[in-house]
PDB file of N, CA and C in Angstrom:
ATOM      1  N   MET A   1      -3.526 -41.818 -15.313  1.00  0.00           N
ATOM      2  CA  MET A   1      -2.992 -42.443 -14.123  1.00  0.00           C
ATOM      3  C   MET A   1      -4.013 -43.475 -13.625  1.00  0.00           C
ATOM      4  N   THR A   2      -3.504 -44.605 -13.193  1.00  0.00           N
ATOM      5  CA  THR A   2      -4.399 -45.666 -12.743  1.00  0.00           C
ATOM      6  C   THR A   2      -4.934 -45.372 -11.342  1.00  0.00           C
ATOM      7  N   GLN A   3      -5.964 -46.111 -10.990  1.00  0.00           N
ATOM      8  CA  GLN A   3      -6.570 -45.932  -9.670  1.00  0.00           C
ATOM      9  C   GLN A   3      -5.584 -46.309  -8.561  1.00  0.00           C
ATOM     10  N   LEU A   4      -4.771 -47.331  -8.789  1.00  0.00           N
ATOM     11  CA  LEU A   4      -3.775 -47.738  -7.798  1.00  0.00           C
ATOM     12  C   LEU A   4      -2.727 -46.645  -7.594  1.00  0.00           C
ATOM     13  N   ALA A   5      -2.272 -46.026  -8.678  1.00  0.00           N
ATOM     14  CA  ALA A   5      -1.288 -44.946  -8.566  1.00  0.00           C
ATOM     15  C   ALA A   5      -1.878 -43.747  -7.837  1.00  0.00           C
ATOM     16  N   LYS A   6      -3.118 -43.424  -8.116  1.00  0.00           N
ATOM     17  CA  LYS A   6      -3.764 -42.306  -7.423  1.00  0.00           C
ATOM     18  C   LYS A   6      -3.875 -42.579  -5.923  1.00  0.00           C
ATOM     19  N   ALA A   7      -4.230 -43.793  -5.560  1.00  0.00           N
ATOM     20  CA  ALA A   7      -4.359 -44.137  -4.144  1.00  0.00           C
ATOM     21  C   ALA A   7      -3.003 -44.104  -3.449  1.00  0.00           C
ATOM     22  N   ALA A   8      -1.969 -44.553  -4.132  1.00  0.00           N
ATOM     23  CA  ALA A   8      -0.633 -44.579  -3.533  1.00  0.00           C
ATOM     24  C   ALA A   8      -0.086 -43.170  -3.353  1.00  0.00           C
ATOM     25  N   LEU A   9      -0.307 -42.303  -4.327  1.00  0.00           N
ATOM     26  CA  LEU A   9       0.234 -40.951  -4.260  1.00  0.00           C
ATOM     27  C   LEU A   9      -0.565 -40.048  -3.321  1.00  0.00           C
ATOM     28  N   ARG A  10      -1.806 -40.366  -3.086  1.00  0.00           N
ATOM     29  CA  ARG A  10      -2.642 -39.529  -2.236  1.00  0.00           C
ATOM     30  C   ARG A  10      -2.176 -39.568  -0.777  1.00  0.00           C
ATOM     31  N   ASP A  11      -1.753 -40.721  -0.289  1.00  0.00           N
ATOM     32  CA  ASP A  11      -1.397 -40.870   1.119  1.00  0.00           C
ATOM     33  C   ASP A  11       0.102 -40.950   1.360  1.00  0.00           C
ATOM     34  N   PHE A  12       0.904 -40.649   0.383  1.00  0.00           N
ATOM     35  CA  PHE A  12       2.352 -40.793   0.503  1.00  0.00           C
ATOM     36  C   PHE A  12       2.948 -39.510   1.057  1.00  0.00           C
ATOM     37  N   GLU A  13       3.544 -39.590   2.244  1.00  0.00           N
ATOM     38  CA  GLU A  13       4.138 -38.421   2.892  1.00  0.00           C
ATOM     39  C   GLU A  13       5.654 -38.483   2.747  1.00  0.00           C
ATOM     40  N   SER A  14       6.129 -38.165   1.581  1.00  0.00           N
ATOM     41  CA  SER A  14       7.551 -38.325   1.271  1.00  0.00           C
ATOM     42  C   SER A  14       8.484 -37.481   2.132  1.00  0.00           C
ATOM     43  N   PRO A  15       8.256 -36.190   2.335  1.00  0.00           N
ATOM     44  CA  PRO A  15       9.212 -35.414   3.138  1.00  0.00           C
ATOM     45  C   PRO A  15       9.385 -35.963   4.554  1.00  0.00           C
ATOM     46  N   PHE A  16       8.302 -36.368   5.187  1.00  0.00           N
ATOM     47  CA  PHE A  16       8.399 -36.922   6.532  1.00  0.00           C
ATOM     48  C   PHE A  16       9.165 -38.235   6.524  1.00  0.00           C
ATOM     49  N   LEU A  17       8.866 -39.124   5.581  1.00  0.00           N
ATOM     50  CA  LEU A  17       9.528 -40.427   5.534  1.00  0.00           C
ATOM     51  C   LEU A  17      11.011 -40.296   5.230  1.00  0.00           C
ATOM     52  N   VAL A  18      11.368 -39.397   4.341  1.00  0.00           N
ATOM     53  CA  VAL A  18      12.780 -39.197   4.010  1.00  0.00           C
ATOM     54  C   VAL A  18      13.527 -38.639   5.209  1.00  0.00           C
ATOM     55  N   ALA A  19      12.958 -37.663   5.882  1.00  0.00           N
ATOM     56  CA  ALA A  19      13.610 -37.079   7.056  1.00  0.00           C
ATOM     57  C   ALA A  19      13.752 -38.107   8.175  1.00  0.00           C
ATOM     58  N   TRP A  20      12.730 -38.908   8.399  1.00  0.00           N
ATOM     59  CA  TRP A  20      12.770 -39.932   9.445  1.00  0.00           C
ATOM     60  C   TRP A  20      13.818 -40.990   9.127  1.00  0.00           C
ATOM     61  N   HIS A  21      13.838 -41.440   7.888  1.00  0.00           N
ATOM     62  CA  HIS A  21      14.776 -42.480   7.469  1.00  0.00           C
ATOM     63  C   HIS A  21      16.225 -41.996   7.570  1.00  0.00           C
ATOM     64  N   THR A  22      16.521 -40.825   7.073  1.00  0.00           N
ATOM     65  CA  THR A  22      17.900 -40.334   7.107  1.00  0.00           C
ATOM     66  C   THR A  22      18.343 -40.005   8.533  1.00  0.00           C
ATOM     67  N   ALA A  23      17.445 -39.493   9.352  1.00  0.00           N
ATOM     68  CA  ALA A  23      17.812 -39.204  10.743  1.00  0.00           C
ATOM     69  C   ALA A  23      18.157 -40.484  11.496  1.00  0.00           C
ATOM     70  N   ASN A  24      17.383 -41.527  11.289  1.00  0.00           N
ATOM     71  CA  ASN A  24      17.665 -42.793  11.968  1.00  0.00           C
ATOM     72  C   ASN A  24      18.979 -43.396  11.508  1.00  0.00           C
ATOM     73  N   TRP A  25      19.261 -43.376  10.212  1.00  0.00           N
ATOM     74  CA  TRP A  25      20.536 -43.925   9.732  1.00  0.00           C
ATOM     75  C   TRP A  25      21.706 -43.100  10.240  1.00  0.00           C
ATOM     76  N   ASN A  26      21.537 -41.783  10.314  1.00  0.00           N
ATOM     77  CA  ASN A  26      22.619 -40.953  10.862  1.00  0.00           C
ATOM     78  C   ASN A  26      22.867 -41.265  12.332  1.00  0.00           C
ATOM     79  N   LEU A  27      21.817 -41.452  13.098  1.00  0.00           N
ATOM     80  CA  LEU A  27      21.985 -41.781  14.514  1.00  0.00           C
ATOM     81  C   LEU A  27      22.650 -43.139  14.705  1.00  0.00           C
ATOM     82  N   LEU A  28      22.378 -44.074  13.815  1.00  0.00           N
ATOM     83  CA  LEU A  28      22.949 -45.414  13.941  1.00  0.00           C
ATOM     84  C   LEU A  28      24.378 -45.506  13.421  1.00  0.00           C
ATOM     85  N   LEU A  29      24.664 -44.867  12.303  1.00  0.00           N
ATOM     86  CA  LEU A  29      25.935 -45.099  11.621  1.00  0.00           C
ATOM     87  C   LEU A  29      26.991 -44.022  11.831  1.00  0.00           C
ATOM     88  N   PHE A  30      26.604 -42.795  12.098  1.00  0.00           N
ATOM     89  CA  PHE A  30      27.589 -41.721  12.183  1.00  0.00           C
ATOM     90  C   PHE A  30      28.579 -41.890  13.333  1.00  0.00           C
ATOM     91  N   PRO A  31      28.152 -42.309  14.530  1.00  0.00           N
ATOM     92  CA  PRO A  31      29.149 -42.526  15.596  1.00  0.00           C
ATOM     93  C   PRO A  31      30.192 -43.576  15.213  1.00  0.00           C
ATOM     94  N   GLY A  32      29.774 -44.634  14.553  1.00  0.00           N
ATOM     95  CA  GLY A  32      30.721 -45.653  14.101  1.00  0.00           C
ATOM     96  C   GLY A  32      31.664 -45.122  13.048  1.00  0.00           C
ATOM     97  N   TYR A  33      31.157 -44.311  12.139  1.00  0.00           N
ATOM     98  CA  TYR A  33      32.008 -43.710  11.117  1.00  0.00           C
ATOM     99  C   TYR A  33      33.059 -42.809  11.755  1.00  0.00           C
ATOM    100  N   CYS A  34      32.648 -41.975  12.707  1.00  0.00           N
ATOM    101  CA  CYS A  34      33.603 -41.078  13.376  1.00  0.00           C
ATOM    102  C   CYS A  34      34.651 -41.871  14.137  1.00  0.00           C
ATOM    103  N   SER A  35      34.236 -42.920  14.825  1.00  0.00           N
ATOM    104  CA  SER A  35      35.186 -43.745  15.577  1.00  0.00           C
ATOM    105  C   SER A  35      36.201 -44.390  14.653  1.00  0.00           C
ATOM    106  N   CYS A  36      35.739 -44.971  13.557  1.00  0.00           N
ATOM    107  CA  CYS A  36      36.660 -45.607  12.604  1.00  0.00           C
ATOM    108  C   CYS A  36      37.587 -44.582  11.977  1.00  0.00           C
ATOM    109  N   HIS A  37      37.072 -43.422  11.678  1.00  0.00           N
ATOM    110  CA  HIS A  37      37.895 -42.381  11.067  1.00  0.00           C
ATOM    111  C   HIS A  37      38.991 -41.926  12.025  1.00  0.00           C
ATOM    112  N   LEU A  38      38.647 -41.743  13.281  1.00  0.00           N
ATOM    113  CA  LEU A  38      39.642 -41.312  14.262  1.00  0.00           C
ATOM    114  C   LEU A  38      40.666 -42.409  14.544  1.00  0.00           C
ATOM    115  N   LEU A  39      40.238 -43.663  14.554  1.00  0.00           N
ATOM    116  CA  LEU A  39      41.157 -44.766  14.831  1.00  0.00           C
ATOM    117  C   LEU A  39      42.121 -45.031  13.682  1.00  0.00           C
ATOM    118  N   THR A  40      41.689 -44.782  12.461  1.00  0.00           N
ATOM    119  CA  THR A  40      42.534 -45.079  11.308  1.00  0.00           C
ATOM    120  C   THR A  40      43.295 -43.870  10.791  1.00  0.00           C
ATOM    121  N   SER A  41      43.091 -42.709  11.384  1.00  0.00           N
ATOM    122  CA  SER A  41      43.798 -41.520  10.903  1.00  0.00           C
ATOM    123  C   SER A  41      45.253 -41.556  11.355  1.00  0.00           C
ATOM    124  N   ARG A  42      46.103 -40.916  10.611  1.00  0.00           N
ATOM    125  CA  ARG A  42      47.533 -40.897  10.927  1.00  0.00           C
ATOM    126  C   ARG A  42      47.821 -40.048  12.149  1.00  0.00           C
ATOM    127  N   GLU A  43      47.156 -38.924  12.244  1.00  0.00           N
ATOM    128  CA  GLU A  43      47.343 -38.042  13.398  1.00  0.00           C
ATOM    129  C   GLU A  43      46.254 -38.350  14.411  1.00  0.00           C
ATOM    130  N   ARG A  44      46.653 -38.654  15.611  1.00  0.00           N
ATOM    131  CA  ARG A  44      45.677 -38.967  16.661  1.00  0.00           C
ATOM    132  C   ARG A  44      45.069 -37.676  17.200  1.00  0.00           C
ATOM    133  N   GLY A  45      43.877 -37.781  17.708  1.00  0.00           N
ATOM    134  CA  GLY A  45      43.230 -36.620  18.298  1.00  0.00           C
ATOM    135  C   GLY A  45      42.179 -36.035  17.374  1.00  0.00           C
ATOM    136  N   LEU A  46      41.673 -34.901  17.758  1.00  0.00           N
ATOM    137  CA  LEU A  46      40.620 -34.263  16.982  1.00  0.00           C
ATOM    138  C   LEU A  46      41.192 -33.594  15.745  1.00  0.00           C
ATOM    139  N   GLN A  47      40.488 -33.731  14.670  1.00  0.00           N
ATOM    140  CA  GLN A  47      40.909 -33.102  13.421  1.00  0.00           C
ATOM    141  C   GLN A  47      39.666 -32.787  12.602  1.00  0.00           C
ATOM    142  N   ARG A  48      39.858 -32.017  11.581  1.00  0.00           N
ATOM    143  CA  ARG A  48      38.730 -31.679  10.714  1.00  0.00           C
ATOM    144  C   ARG A  48      38.512 -32.804   9.719  1.00  0.00           C
ATOM    145  N   PHE A  49      37.246 -33.036   9.408  1.00  0.00           N
ATOM    146  CA  PHE A  49      36.910 -34.109   8.478  1.00  0.00           C
ATOM    147  C   PHE A  49      37.096 -33.640   7.085  1.00  0.00           C
TER     148      PHE A  49
END
């Protein structure tokens, strides 16, 4: 393994970054997805996804 790869892997906090990234995208996009799903569904009102 090269010195650059060792330096990159030593400080890489993958679980934290993945959790942070997915949580932010869920907070941004999920309300819009639910709204579009409810607006385009045939039966109005609450339903199971």
